[in-house]
Amino acid sequence: MSNIPRPGDRIRLLAMPDDPDPIPTGEVGTVVSVARHGEGRDAWHQVDVEWDHGRSLMLTLPPDQIEILPDSQ
């Protein structure tokens, strides 16, 4: 699985399809922590983000989709 952020990375949310009250698409935040769950093809990542607009809601990759912003690499 590619596009897995690391703590300190700045990210932009591209999609959060399975949340009933999602973070708005395009919001930017800083990754606080990343936890891998499962093995192989069943692996997924829980990503704790400090969103710039103040709301807190973790991401689940997949199905959520993000872009890691270039200045954080």
PDB file of N, CA and C in Angstrom:
ATOM      1  N   MET A   1       0.858  -1.174   0.000  1.00  0.00           N
ATOM      2  CA  MET A   1       0.000   0.000   0.000  1.00  0.00           C
ATOM      3  C   MET A   1       0.902   1.235   0.000  1.00  0.00           C
ATOM      4  N   SER A   2       0.727   2.079  -0.971  1.00  0.00           N
ATOM      5  CA  SER A   2       1.526   3.295  -1.016  1.00  0.00           C
ATOM      6  C   SER A   2       0.701   4.466  -0.484  1.00  0.00           C
ATOM      7  N   ASN A   3       1.337   5.603  -0.391  1.00  0.00           N
ATOM      8  CA  ASN A   3       0.676   6.814   0.076  1.00  0.00           C
ATOM      9  C   ASN A   3       0.296   6.729   1.560  1.00  0.00           C
ATOM     10  N   ILE A   4       1.117   6.042   2.347  1.00  0.00           N
ATOM     11  CA  ILE A   4       0.899   5.987   3.796  1.00  0.00           C
ATOM     12  C   ILE A   4       1.752   7.094   4.414  1.00  0.00           C
ATOM     13  N   PRO A   5       1.117   8.038   5.104  1.00  0.00           N
ATOM     14  CA  PRO A   5       1.870   9.152   5.674  1.00  0.00           C
ATOM     15  C   PRO A   5       2.635   8.741   6.926  1.00  0.00           C
ATOM     16  N   ARG A   6       3.535   9.607   7.333  1.00  0.00           N
ATOM     17  CA  ARG A   6       4.300   9.437   8.571  1.00  0.00           C
ATOM     18  C   ARG A   6       3.964  10.605   9.495  1.00  0.00           C
ATOM     19  N   PRO A   7       4.157  10.435  10.805  1.00  0.00           N
ATOM     20  CA  PRO A   7       3.936  11.554  11.722  1.00  0.00           C
ATOM     21  C   PRO A   7       4.739  12.776  11.265  1.00  0.00           C
ATOM     22  N   GLY A   8       4.085  13.925  11.298  1.00  0.00           N
ATOM     23  CA  GLY A   8       4.701  15.171  10.867  1.00  0.00           C
ATOM     24  C   GLY A   8       4.364  15.547   9.435  1.00  0.00           C
ATOM     25  N   ASP A   9       3.921  14.567   8.621  1.00  0.00           N
ATOM     26  CA  ASP A   9       3.535  14.884   7.239  1.00  0.00           C
ATOM     27  C   ASP A   9       2.317  15.791   7.226  1.00  0.00           C
ATOM     28  N   ARG A  10       2.309  16.686   6.260  1.00  0.00           N
ATOM     29  CA  ARG A  10       1.131  17.507   5.995  1.00  0.00           C
ATOM     30  C   ARG A  10       0.347  16.795   4.901  1.00  0.00           C
ATOM     31  N   ILE A  11      -0.975  16.672   5.106  1.00  0.00           N
ATOM     32  CA  ILE A  11      -1.807  15.959   4.146  1.00  0.00           C
ATOM     33  C   ILE A  11      -3.029  16.780   3.765  1.00  0.00           C
ATOM     34  N   ARG A  12      -3.611  16.424   2.619  1.00  0.00           N
ATOM     35  CA  ARG A  12      -4.880  17.004   2.166  1.00  0.00           C
ATOM     36  C   ARG A  12      -5.843  15.836   1.966  1.00  0.00           C
ATOM     37  N   LEU A  13      -7.057  15.995   2.469  1.00  0.00           N
ATOM     38  CA  LEU A  13      -8.071  14.959   2.318  1.00  0.00           C
ATOM     39  C   LEU A  13      -8.668  15.019   0.914  1.00  0.00           C
ATOM     40  N   LEU A  14      -8.682  13.862   0.244  1.00  0.00           N
ATOM     41  CA  LEU A  14      -9.281  13.761  -1.087  1.00  0.00           C
ATOM     42  C   LEU A  14     -10.668  13.131  -1.030  1.00  0.00           C
ATOM     43  N   ALA A  15     -10.878  12.185  -0.115  1.00  0.00           N
ATOM     44  CA  ALA A  15     -12.188  11.537   0.014  1.00  0.00           C
ATOM     45  C   ALA A  15     -12.281  10.822   1.346  1.00  0.00           C
ATOM     46  N   MET A  16     -13.479  10.868   1.938  1.00  0.00           N
ATOM     47  CA  MET A  16     -13.781  10.141   3.174  1.00  0.00           C
ATOM     48  C   MET A  16     -15.177   9.530   2.976  1.00  0.00           C
ATOM     49  N   PRO A  17     -15.252   8.457   2.154  1.00  0.00           N
ATOM     50  CA  PRO A  17     -16.543   7.963   1.697  1.00  0.00           C
ATOM     51  C   PRO A  17     -17.420   7.265   2.732  1.00  0.00           C
ATOM     52  N   ASP A  18     -16.861   6.693   3.781  1.00  0.00           N
ATOM     53  CA  ASP A  18     -17.668   5.871   4.690  1.00  0.00           C
ATOM     54  C   ASP A  18     -18.064   6.548   5.993  1.00  0.00           C
ATOM     55  N   ASP A  19     -17.772   7.839   6.156  1.00  0.00           N
ATOM     56  CA  ASP A  19     -18.100   8.523   7.406  1.00  0.00           C
ATOM     57  C   ASP A  19     -19.405   9.297   7.238  1.00  0.00           C
ATOM     58  N   PRO A  20     -20.341   9.185   8.203  1.00  0.00           N
ATOM     59  CA  PRO A  20     -21.607   9.907   8.086  1.00  0.00           C
ATOM     60  C   PRO A  20     -21.461  11.430   8.246  1.00  0.00           C
ATOM     61  N   ASP A  21     -20.377  11.881   8.877  1.00  0.00           N
ATOM     62  CA  ASP A  21     -20.112  13.314   9.057  1.00  0.00           C
ATOM     63  C   ASP A  21     -18.640  13.569   8.736  1.00  0.00           C
ATOM     64  N   PRO A  22     -18.271  13.451   7.444  1.00  0.00           N
ATOM     65  CA  PRO A  22     -16.852  13.487   7.078  1.00  0.00           C
ATOM     66  C   PRO A  22     -16.206  14.860   7.222  1.00  0.00           C
ATOM     67  N   ILE A  23     -14.883  14.832   7.315  1.00  0.00           N
ATOM     68  CA  ILE A  23     -14.094  16.053   7.178  1.00  0.00           C
ATOM     69  C   ILE A  23     -14.299  16.514   5.733  1.00  0.00           C
ATOM     70  N   PRO A  24     -14.486  17.800   5.477  1.00  0.00           N
ATOM     71  CA  PRO A  24     -14.695  18.254   4.102  1.00  0.00           C
ATOM     72  C   PRO A  24     -13.487  17.969   3.202  1.00  0.00           C
ATOM     73  N   THR A  25     -13.772  17.543   1.986  1.00  0.00           N
ATOM     74  CA  THR A  25     -12.732  17.317   0.990  1.00  0.00           C
ATOM     75  C   THR A  25     -11.902  18.583   0.831  1.00  0.00           C
ATOM     76  N   GLY A  26     -10.594  18.415   0.739  1.00  0.00           N
ATOM     77  CA  GLY A  26      -9.686  19.544   0.567  1.00  0.00           C
ATOM     78  C   GLY A  26      -9.084  20.062   1.853  1.00  0.00           C
ATOM     79  N   GLU A  27      -9.623  19.627   3.010  1.00  0.00           N
ATOM     80  CA  GLU A  27      -9.056  20.084   4.288  1.00  0.00           C
ATOM     81  C   GLU A  27      -7.624  19.579   4.438  1.00  0.00           C
ATOM     82  N   VAL A  28      -6.807  20.363   5.134  1.00  0.00           N
ATOM     83  CA  VAL A  28      -5.393  20.074   5.326  1.00  0.00           C
ATOM     84  C   VAL A  28      -5.121  19.896   6.815  1.00  0.00           C
ATOM     85  N   GLY A  29      -4.193  18.994   7.128  1.00  0.00           N
ATOM     86  CA  GLY A  29      -3.824  18.782   8.518  1.00  0.00           C
ATOM     87  C   GLY A  29      -2.443  18.156   8.628  1.00  0.00           C
ATOM     88  N   THR A  30      -2.024  17.943   9.874  1.00  0.00           N
ATOM     89  CA  THR A  30      -0.722  17.350  10.174  1.00  0.00           C
ATOM     90  C   THR A  30      -0.930  15.990  10.827  1.00  0.00           C
ATOM     91  N   VAL A  31      -0.220  14.980  10.332  1.00  0.00           N
ATOM     92  CA  VAL A  31      -0.334  13.625  10.864  1.00  0.00           C
ATOM     93  C   VAL A  31       0.344  13.568  12.229  1.00  0.00           C
ATOM     94  N   VAL A  32      -0.375  13.036  13.223  1.00  0.00           N
ATOM     95  CA  VAL A  32       0.130  12.887  14.580  1.00  0.00           C
ATOM     96  C   VAL A  32       0.692  11.482  14.776  1.00  0.00           C
ATOM     97  N   SER A  33      -0.058  10.474  14.330  1.00  0.00           N
ATOM     98  CA  SER A  33       0.401   9.092  14.473  1.00  0.00           C
ATOM     99  C   SER A  33      -0.239   8.223  13.405  1.00  0.00           C
ATOM    100  N   VAL A  34       0.399   7.074  13.159  1.00  0.00           N
ATOM    101  CA  VAL A  34      -0.104   6.107  12.181  1.00  0.00           C
ATOM    102  C   VAL A  34       0.017   4.716  12.803  1.00  0.00           C
ATOM    103  N   ALA A  35      -1.067   3.967  12.766  1.00  0.00           N
ATOM    104  CA  ALA A  35      -1.063   2.601  13.289  1.00  0.00           C
ATOM    105  C   ALA A  35      -1.508   1.642  12.191  1.00  0.00           C
ATOM    106  N   ARG A  36      -0.692   0.621  11.950  1.00  0.00           N
ATOM    107  CA  ARG A  36      -1.035  -0.402  10.957  1.00  0.00           C
ATOM    108  C   ARG A  36      -1.828  -1.504  11.647  1.00  0.00           C
ATOM    109  N   HIS A  37      -2.859  -1.976  10.962  1.00  0.00           N
ATOM    110  CA  HIS A  37      -3.695  -3.062  11.465  1.00  0.00           C
ATOM    111  C   HIS A  37      -3.806  -4.123  10.383  1.00  0.00           C
ATOM    112  N   GLY A  38      -3.751  -5.380  10.753  1.00  0.00           N
ATOM    113  CA  GLY A  38      -3.889  -6.465   9.797  1.00  0.00           C
ATOM    114  C   GLY A  38      -2.595  -6.769   9.075  1.00  0.00           C
ATOM    115  N   GLU A  39      -2.673  -7.762   8.195  1.00  0.00           N
ATOM    116  CA  GLU A  39      -1.501  -8.232   7.455  1.00  0.00           C
ATOM    117  C   GLU A  39      -1.826  -8.351   5.974  1.00  0.00           C
ATOM    118  N   GLY A  40      -0.788  -8.252   5.167  1.00  0.00           N
ATOM    119  CA  GLY A  40      -0.913  -8.475   3.724  1.00  0.00           C
ATOM    120  C   GLY A  40      -1.966  -7.612   3.073  1.00  0.00           C
ATOM    121  N   ARG A  41      -2.786  -8.249   2.230  1.00  0.00           N
ATOM    122  CA  ARG A  41      -3.809  -7.514   1.472  1.00  0.00           C
ATOM    123  C   ARG A  41      -4.919  -6.973   2.366  1.00  0.00           C
ATOM    124  N   ASP A  42      -5.045  -7.512   3.574  1.00  0.00           N
ATOM    125  CA  ASP A  42      -6.084  -7.053   4.499  1.00  0.00           C
ATOM    126  C   ASP A  42      -5.616  -5.905   5.383  1.00  0.00           C
ATOM    127  N   ALA A  43      -4.377  -5.457   5.214  1.00  0.00           N
ATOM    128  CA  ALA A  43      -3.837  -4.392   6.067  1.00  0.00           C
ATOM    129  C   ALA A  43      -4.543  -3.068   5.806  1.00  0.00           C
ATOM    130  N   TRP A  44      -4.699  -2.308   6.876  1.00  0.00           N
ATOM    131  CA  TRP A  44      -5.225  -0.948   6.781  1.00  0.00           C
ATOM    132  C   TRP A  44      -4.520  -0.111   7.833  1.00  0.00           C
ATOM    133  N   HIS A  45      -4.606   1.197   7.693  1.00  0.00           N
ATOM    134  CA  HIS A  45      -3.913   2.114   8.597  1.00  0.00           C
ATOM    135  C   HIS A  45      -4.904   3.092   9.211  1.00  0.00           C
ATOM    136  N   GLN A  46      -4.730   3.313  10.498  1.00  0.00           N
ATOM    137  CA  GLN A  46      -5.501   4.333  11.207  1.00  0.00           C
ATOM    138  C   GLN A  46      -4.570   5.524  11.391  1.00  0.00           C
ATOM    139  N   VAL A  47      -5.008   6.685  10.919  1.00  0.00           N
ATOM    140  CA  VAL A  47      -4.158   7.872  10.900  1.00  0.00           C
ATOM    141  C   VAL A  47      -4.798   8.962  11.748  1.00  0.00           C
ATOM    142  N   ASP A  48      -4.094   9.374  12.798  1.00  0.00           N
ATOM    143  CA  ASP A  48      -4.549  10.456  13.673  1.00  0.00           C
ATOM    144  C   ASP A  48      -4.026  11.769  13.089  1.00  0.00           C
ATOM    145  N   VAL A  49      -4.943  12.708  12.852  1.00  0.00           N
ATOM    146  CA  VAL A  49      -4.593  13.965  12.188  1.00  0.00           C
ATOM    147  C   VAL A  49      -5.060  15.155  13.024  1.00  0.00           C
ATOM    148  N   GLU A  50      -4.211  16.159  13.141  1.00  0.00           N
ATOM    149  CA  GLU A  50      -4.624  17.451  13.694  1.00  0.00           C
ATOM    150  C   GLU A  50      -5.025  18.312  12.499  1.00  0.00           C
ATOM    151  N   TRP A  51      -6.311  18.422  12.265  1.00  0.00           N
ATOM    152  CA  TRP A  51      -6.815  19.190  11.129  1.00  0.00           C
ATOM    153  C   TRP A  51      -6.682  20.670  11.401  1.00  0.00           C
ATOM    154  N   ASP A  52      -6.287  21.430  10.391  1.00  0.00           N
ATOM    155  CA  ASP A  52      -6.056  22.869  10.552  1.00  0.00           C
ATOM    156  C   ASP A  52      -7.306  23.621  11.001  1.00  0.00           C
ATOM    157  N   HIS A  53      -8.481  23.141  10.628  1.00  0.00           N
ATOM    158  CA  HIS A  53      -9.713  23.845  10.986  1.00  0.00           C
ATOM    159  C   HIS A  53     -10.195  23.509  12.397  1.00  0.00           C
ATOM    160  N   GLY A  54      -9.444  22.632  13.111  1.00  0.00           N
ATOM    161  CA  GLY A  54      -9.731  22.405  14.528  1.00  0.00           C
ATOM    162  C   GLY A  54     -10.491  21.136  14.861  1.00  0.00           C
ATOM    163  N   ARG A  55     -11.129  20.530  13.909  1.00  0.00           N
ATOM    164  CA  ARG A  55     -11.878  19.304  14.188  1.00  0.00           C
ATOM    165  C   ARG A  55     -10.920  18.119  14.278  1.00  0.00           C
ATOM    166  N   SER A  56     -11.272  17.130  15.076  1.00  0.00           N
ATOM    167  CA  SER A  56     -10.440  15.933  15.141  1.00  0.00           C
ATOM    168  C   SER A  56     -11.269  14.744  14.668  1.00  0.00           C
ATOM    169  N   LEU A  57     -10.727  14.032  13.718  1.00  0.00           N
ATOM    170  CA  LEU A  57     -11.349  12.814  13.220  1.00  0.00           C
ATOM    171  C   LEU A  57     -10.254  12.011  12.539  1.00  0.00           C
ATOM    172  N   MET A  58     -10.082  10.759  12.967  1.00  0.00           N
ATOM    173  CA  MET A  58      -9.042   9.914  12.391  1.00  0.00           C
ATOM    174  C   MET A  58      -9.444   9.449  10.997  1.00  0.00           C
ATOM    175  N   LEU A  59      -8.429   9.124  10.218  1.00  0.00           N
ATOM    176  CA  LEU A  59      -8.640   8.551   8.892  1.00  0.00           C
ATOM    177  C   LEU A  59      -8.446   7.044   8.962  1.00  0.00           C
ATOM    178  N   THR A  60      -9.077   6.336   8.058  1.00  0.00           N
ATOM    179  CA  THR A  60      -8.861   4.913   7.863  1.00  0.00           C
ATOM    180  C   THR A  60      -8.443   4.731   6.406  1.00  0.00           C
ATOM    181  N   LEU A  61      -7.206   4.259   6.209  1.00  0.00           N
ATOM    182  CA  LEU A  61      -6.668   4.071   4.857  1.00  0.00           C
ATOM    183  C   LEU A  61      -6.515   2.586   4.572  1.00  0.00           C
ATOM    184  N   PRO A  62      -7.128   2.028   3.533  1.00  0.00           N
ATOM    185  CA  PRO A  62      -8.287   2.576   2.844  1.00  0.00           C
ATOM    186  C   PRO A  62      -9.535   2.445   3.701  1.00  0.00           C
ATOM    187  N   PRO A  63     -10.632   3.049   3.394  1.00  0.00           N
ATOM    188  CA  PRO A  63     -11.080   3.613   2.134  1.00  0.00           C
ATOM    189  C   PRO A  63     -10.803   5.110   1.968  1.00  0.00           C
ATOM    190  N   ASP A  64     -10.484   5.817   3.078  1.00  0.00           N
ATOM    191  CA  ASP A  64     -10.231   7.252   2.933  1.00  0.00           C
ATOM    192  C   ASP A  64      -9.044   7.469   1.999  1.00  0.00           C
ATOM    193  N   GLN A  65      -9.041   8.610   1.327  1.00  0.00           N
ATOM    194  CA  GLN A  65      -7.984   8.914   0.367  1.00  0.00           C
ATOM    195  C   GLN A  65      -7.369  10.269   0.703  1.00  0.00           C
ATOM    196  N   ILE A  66      -6.040  10.322   0.645  1.00  0.00           N
ATOM    197  CA  ILE A  66      -5.319  11.546   0.971  1.00  0.00           C
ATOM    198  C   ILE A  66      -4.238  11.828  -0.059  1.00  0.00           C
ATOM    199  N   GLU A  67      -3.726  13.028   0.031  1.00  0.00           N
ATOM    200  CA  GLU A  67      -2.548  13.432  -0.725  1.00  0.00           C
ATOM    201  C   GLU A  67      -1.536  13.918   0.302  1.00  0.00           C
ATOM    202  N   ILE A  68      -0.296  13.402   0.236  1.00  0.00           N
ATOM    203  CA  ILE A  68       0.757  13.897   1.107  1.00  0.00           C
ATOM    204  C   ILE A  68       1.333  15.126   0.416  1.00  0.00           C
ATOM    205  N   LEU A  69       1.330  16.251   1.107  1.00  0.00           N
ATOM    206  CA  LEU A  69       1.774  17.503   0.499  1.00  0.00           C
ATOM    207  C   LEU A  69       3.295  17.503   0.321  1.00  0.00           C
ATOM    208  N   PRO A  70       3.765  18.018  -0.810  1.00  0.00           N
ATOM    209  CA  PRO A  70       5.183  17.936  -1.159  1.00  0.00           C
ATOM    210  C   PRO A  70       6.141  18.530  -0.144  1.00  0.00           C
ATOM    211  N   ASP A  71       5.793  19.614   0.531  1.00  0.00           N
ATOM    212  CA  ASP A  71       6.761  20.245   1.440  1.00  0.00           C
ATOM    213  C   ASP A  71       7.031  19.388   2.660  1.00  0.00           C
ATOM    214  N   SER A  72       6.225  18.320   2.903  1.00  0.00           N
ATOM    215  CA  SER A  72       6.446  17.500   4.091  1.00  0.00           C
ATOM    216  C   SER A  72       7.360  16.319   3.805  1.00  0.00           C
ATOM    217  N   GLN A  73       7.807  16.159   2.557  1.00  0.00           N
ATOM    218  CA  GLN A  73       8.668  15.014   2.225  1.00  0.00           C
ATOM    219  C   GLN A  73      10.096  15.425   2.106  1.00  0.00           C
TER     220      GLN A  73
END
